[in-house]
Amino acid sequence: MRRSAVAVVVVVGLVIGCGGGDARVTGVVLYVDGDLTSVRSFQVLGTDGERYRFVPGPDLHAFPDGTALTHLYEHLQTAAPIRVTFRIDDGVAAASIVEDAP
C-alpha cells in the first residue's frame, strides 16, 4: 500500500511539473480491477520503474479505435505495453486516453 501512495505522489509531481495539464506514461499492465464488461481501475508499471494506479476518467470507455477498455485484460496476459494519458482529479489519477503503445 505504501508503494501505491508513493506512485500517487510521483504522479502528482509529474502533473505539477507539466503545468497542471495532462500527463502521459507508457508501461505494462500489472493489474485490472473489473469484470468482462467494465474496468474500475488498473495498474501500470511505467518504463521509469514506477507503479501507477488509474481509474477510468468520466469519458473513458474504450481505446481510441473503439476497442472496449476491457482489452486491458489482453495486455495483462501478453505484457504488450500501453500508453495512458491522464490528469489528477481530486487526488486520483484519472485516465483520459488508453491506447496501445507504438
Protein backbone atom coordinates (compact mmCIF):
# COMPACT_ATOMS: atom_id res chain seq x y z
CA MET A 1 0.00 0.00 0.00
CA ARG A 2 2.84 2.36 0.83
CA ARG A 3 4.29 1.88 -2.64
CA SER A 4 0.93 2.88 -4.19
CA ALA A 5 0.96 6.05 -2.13
CA VAL A 6 4.46 6.82 -3.39
CA ALA A 7 3.32 6.29 -7.00
CA VAL A 8 0.44 8.71 -6.48
CA VAL A 9 2.89 11.28 -5.13
CA VAL A 10 5.13 10.72 -8.17
CA VAL A 11 2.11 11.06 -10.47
CA VAL A 12 1.09 14.28 -8.74
CA GLY A 13 4.65 15.54 -9.16
CA LEU A 14 4.57 14.71 -12.86
CA VAL A 15 1.34 16.61 -13.35
CA ILE A 16 2.55 19.61 -11.39
CA GLY A 17 5.77 19.52 -13.41
CA CYS A 18 3.69 19.54 -16.60
CA GLY A 19 1.89 22.72 -15.59
CA GLY A 20 -1.27 21.05 -14.27
CA GLY A 21 -2.36 19.64 -17.63
CA ASP A 22 -2.45 16.11 -18.90
CA ALA A 23 0.47 13.78 -18.27
CA ARG A 24 1.39 10.57 -20.05
CA VAL A 25 3.00 7.28 -19.02
CA THR A 26 3.91 4.19 -21.04
CA GLY A 27 4.25 0.77 -19.48
CA VAL A 28 2.82 -2.71 -18.98
CA VAL A 29 -0.44 -3.58 -17.25
CA LEU A 30 0.11 -5.21 -13.85
CA TYR A 31 -3.47 -5.44 -12.58
CA VAL A 32 -7.02 -4.81 -13.75
CA ASP A 33 -9.91 -4.42 -11.29
CA GLY A 34 -13.13 -5.15 -13.11
CA ASP A 35 -15.00 -7.83 -14.97
CA LEU A 36 -15.77 -8.79 -18.57
CA THR A 37 -17.88 -5.68 -19.13
CA SER A 38 -16.20 -2.90 -17.15
CA VAL A 39 -12.94 -1.71 -15.62
CA ARG A 40 -12.96 0.05 -12.23
CA SER A 41 -9.19 0.65 -12.04
CA PHE A 42 -5.91 -0.63 -13.40
CA GLN A 43 -2.26 -0.52 -12.52
CA VAL A 44 0.67 0.07 -14.88
CA LEU A 45 4.39 -0.45 -14.37
CA GLY A 46 5.88 2.54 -16.17
CA THR A 47 9.06 2.43 -18.20
CA ASP A 48 10.52 4.56 -15.39
CA GLY A 49 10.06 1.62 -12.96
CA GLU A 50 7.22 3.30 -11.02
CA ARG A 51 3.78 1.77 -10.46
CA TYR A 52 0.78 3.90 -11.40
CA ARG A 53 -2.85 3.28 -10.44
CA PHE A 54 -5.53 4.72 -12.69
CA VAL A 55 -9.28 4.93 -12.70
CA PRO A 56 -11.13 5.49 -15.97
CA GLY A 57 -11.90 9.17 -16.39
CA PRO A 58 -15.54 10.23 -16.86
CA ASP A 59 -15.43 9.96 -20.66
CA LEU A 60 -13.11 6.93 -20.99
CA HIS A 61 -14.99 3.80 -22.03
CA ALA A 62 -12.82 2.49 -24.87
CA PHE A 63 -9.49 2.72 -26.64
CA PRO A 64 -9.43 5.46 -29.34
CA ASP A 65 -10.12 2.85 -32.05
CA GLY A 66 -13.33 1.79 -30.26
CA THR A 67 -11.93 -1.35 -28.63
CA ALA A 68 -13.52 -1.85 -25.20
CA LEU A 69 -11.47 -0.85 -22.16
CA THR A 70 -11.65 -4.49 -21.06
CA HIS A 71 -8.99 -5.04 -23.76
CA LEU A 72 -6.64 -4.25 -20.86
CA TYR A 73 -7.04 -7.90 -19.82
CA GLU A 74 -5.32 -8.94 -23.06
CA HIS A 75 -2.47 -6.55 -22.28
CA LEU A 76 -2.27 -8.06 -18.81
CA GLN A 77 -1.78 -11.52 -20.35
CA THR A 78 0.60 -10.53 -23.15
CA ALA A 79 2.58 -7.74 -21.44
CA ALA A 80 2.17 -5.63 -24.59
CA PRO A 81 2.73 -2.01 -23.48
CA ILE A 82 0.07 0.68 -23.32
CA ARG A 83 0.21 4.46 -23.16
CA VAL A 84 -2.05 6.29 -20.70
CA THR A 85 -2.85 9.99 -20.85
CA PHE A 86 -4.22 11.17 -17.52
CA ARG A 87 -4.76 14.01 -15.12
CA ILE A 88 -5.14 14.20 -11.37
CA ASP A 89 -8.78 14.76 -10.32
CA ASP A 90 -9.30 15.14 -6.56
CA GLY A 91 -6.04 13.28 -5.85
CA VAL A 92 -6.86 10.37 -8.19
CA ALA A 93 -5.09 9.65 -11.48
CA ALA A 94 -7.99 9.61 -13.98
CA ALA A 95 -7.16 8.14 -17.39
CA SER A 96 -8.49 10.12 -20.32
CA ILE A 97 -6.87 8.09 -23.13
CA VAL A 98 -5.63 4.49 -23.05
CA GLU A 99 -4.00 3.20 -26.21
CA ASP A 100 -1.66 0.54 -27.49
CA ALA A 101 1.88 1.85 -27.22
CA PRO A 102 3.65 2.34 -30.55
